[in-house]
Amino acid sequence: FYINGIDQGVAANQTPGVVYGVVDLYGMA
């Protein structure tokens, strides 16, 4: 994951090969 372009490091070591990006707009966003 990246915050303002800065890599925050590995969040998960293995992610499936076919994935879609998701944004969950809730609360303040």
PDB file of all heavy atoms in Angstrom:
ATOM      1  N   PHE A   1       0.840  -1.184   0.000  1.00  0.00           N
ATOM      2  CA  PHE A   1       0.000   0.000   0.000  1.00  0.00           C
ATOM      3  C   PHE A   1       0.881   1.242   0.000  1.00  0.00           C
ATOM      4  O   PHE A   1       2.015   1.216   0.497  1.00  0.00           O
ATOM      5  CB  PHE A   1      -0.933   0.015   1.218  1.00  0.00           C
ATOM      6  CG  PHE A   1      -2.045  -0.982   1.128  1.00  0.00           C
ATOM      7  CD1 PHE A   1      -1.887  -2.268   1.627  1.00  0.00           C
ATOM      8  CD2 PHE A   1      -3.253  -0.646   0.535  1.00  0.00           C
ATOM      9  CE1 PHE A   1      -2.910  -3.203   1.537  1.00  0.00           C
ATOM     10  CE2 PHE A   1      -4.283  -1.575   0.444  1.00  0.00           C
ATOM     11  CZ  PHE A   1      -4.105  -2.845   0.937  1.00  0.00           C
ATOM     12  N   TYR A   2       0.333   2.323  -0.558  1.00  0.00           N
ATOM     13  CA  TYR A   2       1.074   3.576  -0.683  1.00  0.00           C
ATOM     14  C   TYR A   2       0.225   4.719  -0.130  1.00  0.00           C
ATOM     15  O   TYR A   2      -0.960   4.829  -0.432  1.00  0.00           O
ATOM     16  CB  TYR A   2       1.393   3.873  -2.152  1.00  0.00           C
ATOM     17  CG  TYR A   2       2.306   2.854  -2.790  1.00  0.00           C
ATOM     18  CD1 TYR A   2       1.818   1.630  -3.248  1.00  0.00           C
ATOM     19  CD2 TYR A   2       3.665   3.107  -2.932  1.00  0.00           C
ATOM     20  CE1 TYR A   2       2.650   0.691  -3.818  1.00  0.00           C
ATOM     21  CE2 TYR A   2       4.512   2.178  -3.505  1.00  0.00           C
ATOM     22  CZ  TYR A   2       4.006   0.965  -3.950  1.00  0.00           C
ATOM     23  OH  TYR A   2       4.839   0.034  -4.518  1.00  0.00           O
ATOM     24  N   ILE A   3       0.822   5.562   0.683  1.00  0.00           N
ATOM     25  CA  ILE A   3       0.177   6.770   1.189  1.00  0.00           C
ATOM     26  C   ILE A   3       0.948   7.960   0.645  1.00  0.00           C
ATOM     27  O   ILE A   3       2.147   8.101   0.903  1.00  0.00           O
ATOM     28  CB  ILE A   3       0.157   6.812   2.729  1.00  0.00           C
ATOM     29  CG1 ILE A   3      -0.484   5.541   3.306  1.00  0.00           C
ATOM     30  CG2 ILE A   3      -0.579   8.055   3.216  1.00  0.00           C
ATOM     31  CD1 ILE A   3      -1.931   5.347   2.934  1.00  0.00           C
ATOM     32  N   ASN A   4       0.269   8.790  -0.142  1.00  0.00           N
ATOM     33  CA  ASN A   4       0.917   9.926  -0.793  1.00  0.00           C
ATOM     34  C   ASN A   4       2.184   9.504  -1.540  1.00  0.00           C
ATOM     35  O   ASN A   4       3.211  10.183  -1.517  1.00  0.00           O
ATOM     36  CB  ASN A   4       1.231  11.028   0.227  1.00  0.00           C
ATOM     37  CG  ASN A   4      -0.030  11.668   0.772  1.00  0.00           C
ATOM     38  OD1 ASN A   4      -1.015  11.829   0.057  1.00  0.00           O
ATOM     39  ND2 ASN A   4      -0.016  12.028   2.042  1.00  0.00           N
ATOM     40  N   GLY A   5       2.087   8.343  -2.204  1.00  0.00           N
ATOM     41  CA  GLY A   5       3.176   7.845  -3.026  1.00  0.00           C
ATOM     42  C   GLY A   5       4.275   7.135  -2.275  1.00  0.00           C
ATOM     43  O   GLY A   5       5.221   6.635  -2.890  1.00  0.00           O
ATOM     44  N   ILE A   6       4.196   7.050  -0.958  1.00  0.00           N
ATOM     45  CA  ILE A   6       5.245   6.422  -0.152  1.00  0.00           C
ATOM     46  C   ILE A   6       4.861   4.980   0.158  1.00  0.00           C
ATOM     47  O   ILE A   6       3.793   4.709   0.716  1.00  0.00           O
ATOM     48  CB  ILE A   6       5.478   7.194   1.159  1.00  0.00           C
ATOM     49  CG1 ILE A   6       5.906   8.635   0.850  1.00  0.00           C
ATOM     50  CG2 ILE A   6       6.525   6.504   2.019  1.00  0.00           C
ATOM     51  CD1 ILE A   6       6.029   9.514   2.072  1.00  0.00           C
ATOM     52  N   ASP A   7       5.727   4.057  -0.226  1.00  0.00           N
ATOM     53  CA  ASP A   7       5.495   2.629  -0.019  1.00  0.00           C
ATOM     54  C   ASP A   7       5.487   2.329   1.476  1.00  0.00           C
ATOM     55  O   ASP A   7       6.455   2.619   2.188  1.00  0.00           O
ATOM     56  CB  ASP A   7       6.609   1.839  -0.727  1.00  0.00           C
ATOM     57  CG  ASP A   7       6.323   0.346  -0.791  1.00  0.00           C
ATOM     58  OD1 ASP A   7       5.440  -0.128  -0.045  1.00  0.00           O
ATOM     59  OD2 ASP A   7       6.993  -0.344  -1.581  1.00  0.00           O
ATOM     60  N   GLN A   8       4.402   1.722   1.950  1.00  0.00           N
ATOM     61  CA  GLN A   8       4.267   1.381   3.364  1.00  0.00           C
ATOM     62  C   GLN A   8       4.765  -0.033   3.677  1.00  0.00           C
ATOM     63  O   GLN A   8       4.662  -0.480   4.818  1.00  0.00           O
ATOM     64  CB  GLN A   8       2.807   1.526   3.798  1.00  0.00           C
ATOM     65  CG  GLN A   8       2.229   2.913   3.568  1.00  0.00           C
ATOM     66  CD  GLN A   8       2.956   3.997   4.336  1.00  0.00           C
ATOM     67  OE1 GLN A   8       3.151   3.886   5.540  1.00  0.00           O
ATOM     68  NE2 GLN A   8       3.379   5.049   3.623  1.00  0.00           N
ATOM     69  N   GLY A   9       5.280  -0.719   2.654  1.00  0.00           N
ATOM     70  CA  GLY A   9       5.831  -2.053   2.871  1.00  0.00           C
ATOM     71  C   GLY A   9       4.846  -3.161   2.532  1.00  0.00           C
ATOM     72  O   GLY A   9       3.730  -2.914   2.077  1.00  0.00           O
ATOM     73  N   VAL A  10       5.263  -4.387   2.758  1.00  0.00           N
ATOM     74  CA  VAL A  10       4.464  -5.559   2.414  1.00  0.00           C
ATOM     75  C   VAL A  10       3.283  -5.693   3.371  1.00  0.00           C
ATOM     76  O   VAL A  10       3.461  -5.756   4.584  1.00  0.00           O
ATOM     77  CB  VAL A  10       5.316  -6.845   2.451  1.00  0.00           C
ATOM     78  CG1 VAL A  10       4.457  -8.069   2.158  1.00  0.00           C
ATOM     79  CG2 VAL A  10       6.470  -6.751   1.465  1.00  0.00           C
ATOM     80  N   ALA A  11       2.076  -5.726   2.789  1.00  0.00           N
ATOM     81  CA  ALA A  11       0.870  -5.936   3.597  1.00  0.00           C
ATOM     82  C   ALA A  11       0.457  -7.396   3.601  1.00  0.00           C
ATOM     83  O   ALA A  11      -0.126  -7.884   4.562  1.00  0.00           O
ATOM     84  CB  ALA A  11      -0.269  -5.080   3.065  1.00  0.00           C
ATOM     85  N   ALA A  12       0.723  -8.089   2.503  1.00  0.00           N
ATOM     86  CA  ALA A  12       0.429  -9.524   2.380  1.00  0.00           C
ATOM     87  C   ALA A  12       1.460 -10.117   1.433  1.00  0.00           C
ATOM     88  O   ALA A  12       1.782  -9.518   0.404  1.00  0.00           O
ATOM     89  CB  ALA A  12      -0.981  -9.742   1.847  1.00  0.00           C
ATOM     90  N   ASN A  13       1.970 -11.283   1.787  1.00  0.00           N
ATOM     91  CA  ASN A  13       3.036 -11.884   0.983  1.00  0.00           C
ATOM     92  C   ASN A  13       2.521 -12.523  -0.298  1.00  0.00           C
ATOM     93  O   ASN A  13       3.202 -12.482  -1.315  1.00  0.00           O
ATOM     94  CB  ASN A  13       3.791 -12.938   1.812  1.00  0.00           C
ATOM     95  CG  ASN A  13       4.637 -12.310   2.893  1.00  0.00           C
ATOM     96  OD1 ASN A  13       5.331 -11.327   2.651  1.00  0.00           O
ATOM     97  ND2 ASN A  13       4.568 -12.858   4.098  1.00  0.00           N
ATOM     98  N   GLN A  14       1.336 -13.106  -0.265  1.00  0.00           N
ATOM     99  CA  GLN A  14       0.788 -13.768  -1.444  1.00  0.00           C
ATOM    100  C   GLN A  14      -0.630 -13.282  -1.712  1.00  0.00           C
ATOM    101  O   GLN A  14      -1.515 -13.443  -0.881  1.00  0.00           O
ATOM    102  CB  GLN A  14       0.801 -15.295  -1.255  1.00  0.00           C
ATOM    103  CG  GLN A  14       2.193 -15.908  -1.327  1.00  0.00           C
ATOM    104  CD  GLN A  14       2.843 -15.707  -2.688  1.00  0.00           C
ATOM    105  OE1 GLN A  14       2.182 -15.783  -3.720  1.00  0.00           O
ATOM    106  NE2 GLN A  14       4.141 -15.434  -2.690  1.00  0.00           N
ATOM    107  N   THR A  15      -0.815 -12.683  -2.879  1.00  0.00           N
ATOM    108  CA  THR A  15      -2.122 -12.198  -3.312  1.00  0.00           C
ATOM    109  C   THR A  15      -2.501 -12.938  -4.584  1.00  0.00           C
ATOM    110  O   THR A  15      -1.627 -13.169  -5.431  1.00  0.00           O
ATOM    111  CB  THR A  15      -2.061 -10.682  -3.588  1.00  0.00           C
ATOM    112  OG1 THR A  15      -1.512 -10.034  -2.437  1.00  0.00           O
ATOM    113  CG2 THR A  15      -3.439 -10.114  -3.864  1.00  0.00           C
ATOM    114  N   PRO A  16      -3.755 -13.351  -4.753  1.00  0.00           N
ATOM    115  CA  PRO A  16      -4.149 -14.054  -5.981  1.00  0.00           C
ATOM    116  C   PRO A  16      -3.749 -13.280  -7.238  1.00  0.00           C
ATOM    117  O   PRO A  16      -3.642 -12.050  -7.219  1.00  0.00           O
ATOM    118  CB  PRO A  16      -5.670 -14.148  -5.848  1.00  0.00           C
ATOM    119  CG  PRO A  16      -5.917 -14.124  -4.382  1.00  0.00           C
ATOM    120  CD  PRO A  16      -4.874 -13.217  -3.803  1.00  0.00           C
ATOM    121  N   GLY A  17      -3.529 -14.008  -8.314  1.00  0.00           N
ATOM    122  CA  GLY A  17      -3.068 -13.399  -9.554  1.00  0.00           C
ATOM    123  C   GLY A  17      -4.064 -12.478 -10.209  1.00  0.00           C
ATOM    124  O   GLY A  17      -3.688 -11.524 -10.878  1.00  0.00           O
ATOM    125  N   VAL A  18      -5.360 -12.754 -10.039  1.00  0.00           N
ATOM    126  CA  VAL A  18      -6.395 -11.909 -10.649  1.00  0.00           C
ATOM    127  C   VAL A  18      -7.168 -11.203  -9.537  1.00  0.00           C
ATOM    128  O   VAL A  18      -7.950 -11.828  -8.815  1.00  0.00           O
ATOM    129  CB  VAL A  18      -7.359 -12.744 -11.522  1.00  0.00           C
ATOM    130  CG1 VAL A  18      -8.448 -11.857 -12.108  1.00  0.00           C
ATOM    131  CG2 VAL A  18      -6.592 -13.450 -12.632  1.00  0.00           C
ATOM    132  N   VAL A  19      -6.918  -9.920  -9.378  1.00  0.00           N
ATOM    133  CA  VAL A  19      -7.602  -9.135  -8.352  1.00  0.00           C
ATOM    134  C   VAL A  19      -8.040  -7.790  -8.936  1.00  0.00           C
ATOM    135  O   VAL A  19      -7.412  -7.259  -9.860  1.00  0.00           O
ATOM    136  CB  VAL A  19      -6.699  -8.882  -7.119  1.00  0.00           C
ATOM    137  CG1 VAL A  19      -6.486 -10.163  -6.338  1.00  0.00           C
ATOM    138  CG2 VAL A  19      -5.382  -8.239  -7.512  1.00  0.00           C
ATOM    139  N   TYR A  20      -9.134  -7.271  -8.398  1.00  0.00           N
ATOM    140  CA  TYR A  20      -9.661  -5.966  -8.769  1.00  0.00           C
ATOM    141  C   TYR A  20      -9.395  -4.993  -7.621  1.00  0.00           C
ATOM    142  O   TYR A  20      -9.442  -5.372  -6.451  1.00  0.00           O
ATOM    143  CB  TYR A  20     -11.166  -6.036  -9.024  1.00  0.00           C
ATOM    144  CG  TYR A  20     -11.559  -6.915 -10.178  1.00  0.00           C
ATOM    145  CD1 TYR A  20     -11.666  -8.300 -10.023  1.00  0.00           C
ATOM    146  CD2 TYR A  20     -11.840  -6.379 -11.438  1.00  0.00           C
ATOM    147  CE1 TYR A  20     -12.028  -9.114 -11.089  1.00  0.00           C
ATOM    148  CE2 TYR A  20     -12.206  -7.178 -12.505  1.00  0.00           C
ATOM    149  CZ  TYR A  20     -12.296  -8.553 -12.322  1.00  0.00           C
ATOM    150  OH  TYR A  20     -12.654  -9.362 -13.369  1.00  0.00           O
ATOM    151  N   GLY A  21      -9.148  -3.743  -7.964  1.00  0.00           N
ATOM    152  CA  GLY A  21      -8.984  -2.723  -6.941  1.00  0.00           C
ATOM    153  C   GLY A  21     -10.320  -2.348  -6.348  1.00  0.00           C
ATOM    154  O   GLY A  21     -11.330  -2.285  -7.048  1.00  0.00           O
ATOM    155  N   VAL A  22     -10.355  -2.095  -5.048  1.00  0.00           N
ATOM    156  CA  VAL A  22     -11.596  -1.753  -4.342  1.00  0.00           C
ATOM    157  C   VAL A  22     -11.374  -0.499  -3.512  1.00  0.00           C
ATOM    158  O   VAL A  22     -10.354  -0.362  -2.839  1.00  0.00           O
ATOM    159  CB  VAL A  22     -12.037  -2.890  -3.388  1.00  0.00           C
ATOM    160  CG1 VAL A  22     -13.327  -2.504  -2.682  1.00  0.00           C
ATOM    161  CG2 VAL A  22     -12.207  -4.187  -4.117  1.00  0.00           C
ATOM    162  N   VAL A  23     -12.328   0.408  -3.573  1.00  0.00           N
ATOM    163  CA  VAL A  23     -12.364   1.549  -2.663  1.00  0.00           C
ATOM    164  C   VAL A  23     -13.713   1.538  -1.973  1.00  0.00           C
ATOM    165  O   VAL A  23     -14.749   1.444  -2.628  1.00  0.00           O
ATOM    166  CB  VAL A  23     -12.161   2.884  -3.409  1.00  0.00           C
ATOM    167  CG1 VAL A  23     -12.293   4.051  -2.442  1.00  0.00           C
ATOM    168  CG2 VAL A  23     -10.793   2.917  -4.083  1.00  0.00           C
ATOM    169  N   ASP A  24     -13.692   1.588  -0.664  1.00  0.00           N
ATOM    170  CA  ASP A  24     -14.923   1.602   0.122  1.00  0.00           C
ATOM    171  C   ASP A  24     -15.100   3.001   0.690  1.00  0.00           C
ATOM    172  O   ASP A  24     -14.416   3.402   1.639  1.00  0.00           O
ATOM    173  CB  ASP A  24     -14.823   0.561   1.240  1.00  0.00           C
ATOM    174  CG  ASP A  24     -16.178   0.219   1.838  1.00  0.00           C
ATOM    175  OD1 ASP A  24     -17.119   1.014   1.650  1.00  0.00           O
ATOM    176  OD2 ASP A  24     -16.280  -0.838   2.490  1.00  0.00           O
ATOM    177  N   LEU A  25     -16.000   3.774   0.065  1.00  0.00           N
ATOM    178  CA  LEU A  25     -16.287   5.131   0.525  1.00  0.00           C
ATOM    179  C   LEU A  25     -17.323   5.078   1.637  1.00  0.00           C
ATOM    180  O   LEU A  25     -18.477   4.758   1.389  1.00  0.00           O
ATOM    181  CB  LEU A  25     -16.826   5.976  -0.634  1.00  0.00           C
ATOM    182  CG  LEU A  25     -15.843   6.341  -1.747  1.00  0.00           C
ATOM    183  CD1 LEU A  25     -16.591   6.983  -2.899  1.00  0.00           C
ATOM    184  CD2 LEU A  25     -14.775   7.271  -1.219  1.00  0.00           C
ATOM    185  N   TYR A  26     -16.921   5.355   2.839  1.00  0.00           N
ATOM    186  CA  TYR A  26     -17.897   5.384   3.916  1.00  0.00           C
ATOM    187  C   TYR A  26     -17.471   6.438   4.931  1.00  0.00           C
ATOM    188  O   TYR A  26     -16.357   6.983   4.872  1.00  0.00           O
ATOM    189  CB  TYR A  26     -18.044   4.003   4.574  1.00  0.00           C
ATOM    190  CG  TYR A  26     -16.967   3.661   5.573  1.00  0.00           C
ATOM    191  CD1 TYR A  26     -17.171   3.851   6.942  1.00  0.00           C
ATOM    192  CD2 TYR A  26     -15.739   3.155   5.164  1.00  0.00           C
ATOM    193  CE1 TYR A  26     -16.190   3.535   7.862  1.00  0.00           C
ATOM    194  CE2 TYR A  26     -14.749   2.843   6.085  1.00  0.00           C
ATOM    195  CZ  TYR A  26     -14.976   3.032   7.424  1.00  0.00           C
ATOM    196  OH  TYR A  26     -13.997   2.741   8.333  1.00  0.00           O
ATOM    197  N   GLY A  27     -18.360   6.721   5.848  1.00  0.00           N
ATOM    198  CA  GLY A  27     -18.034   7.687   6.882  1.00  0.00           C
ATOM    199  C   GLY A  27     -17.712   9.058   6.303  1.00  0.00           C
ATOM    200  O   GLY A  27     -18.495   9.644   5.565  1.00  0.00           O
ATOM    201  N   MET A  28     -16.529   9.546   6.614  1.00  0.00           N
ATOM    202  CA  MET A  28     -16.133  10.891   6.207  1.00  0.00           C
ATOM    203  C   MET A  28     -15.813  11.010   4.726  1.00  0.00           C
ATOM    204  O   MET A  28     -15.907  12.093   4.146  1.00  0.00           O
ATOM    205  CB  MET A  28     -14.920  11.330   7.022  1.00  0.00           C
ATOM    206  CG  MET A  28     -15.179  11.450   8.518  1.00  0.00           C
ATOM    207  SD  MET A  28     -13.721  12.008   9.431  1.00  0.00           S
ATOM    208  CE  MET A  28     -12.647  10.564   9.304  1.00  0.00           C
ATOM    209  N   ALA A  29     -15.395   9.909   4.089  1.00  0.00           N
ATOM    210  CA  ALA A  29     -14.944   9.959   2.695  1.00  0.00           C
ATOM    211  C   ALA A  29     -16.138  10.073   1.751  1.00  0.00           C
ATOM    212  O   ALA A  29     -17.040   9.248   1.786  1.00  0.00           O
ATOM    213  CB  ALA A  29     -14.121   8.726   2.355  1.00  0.00           C
TER     214      ALA A  29
END
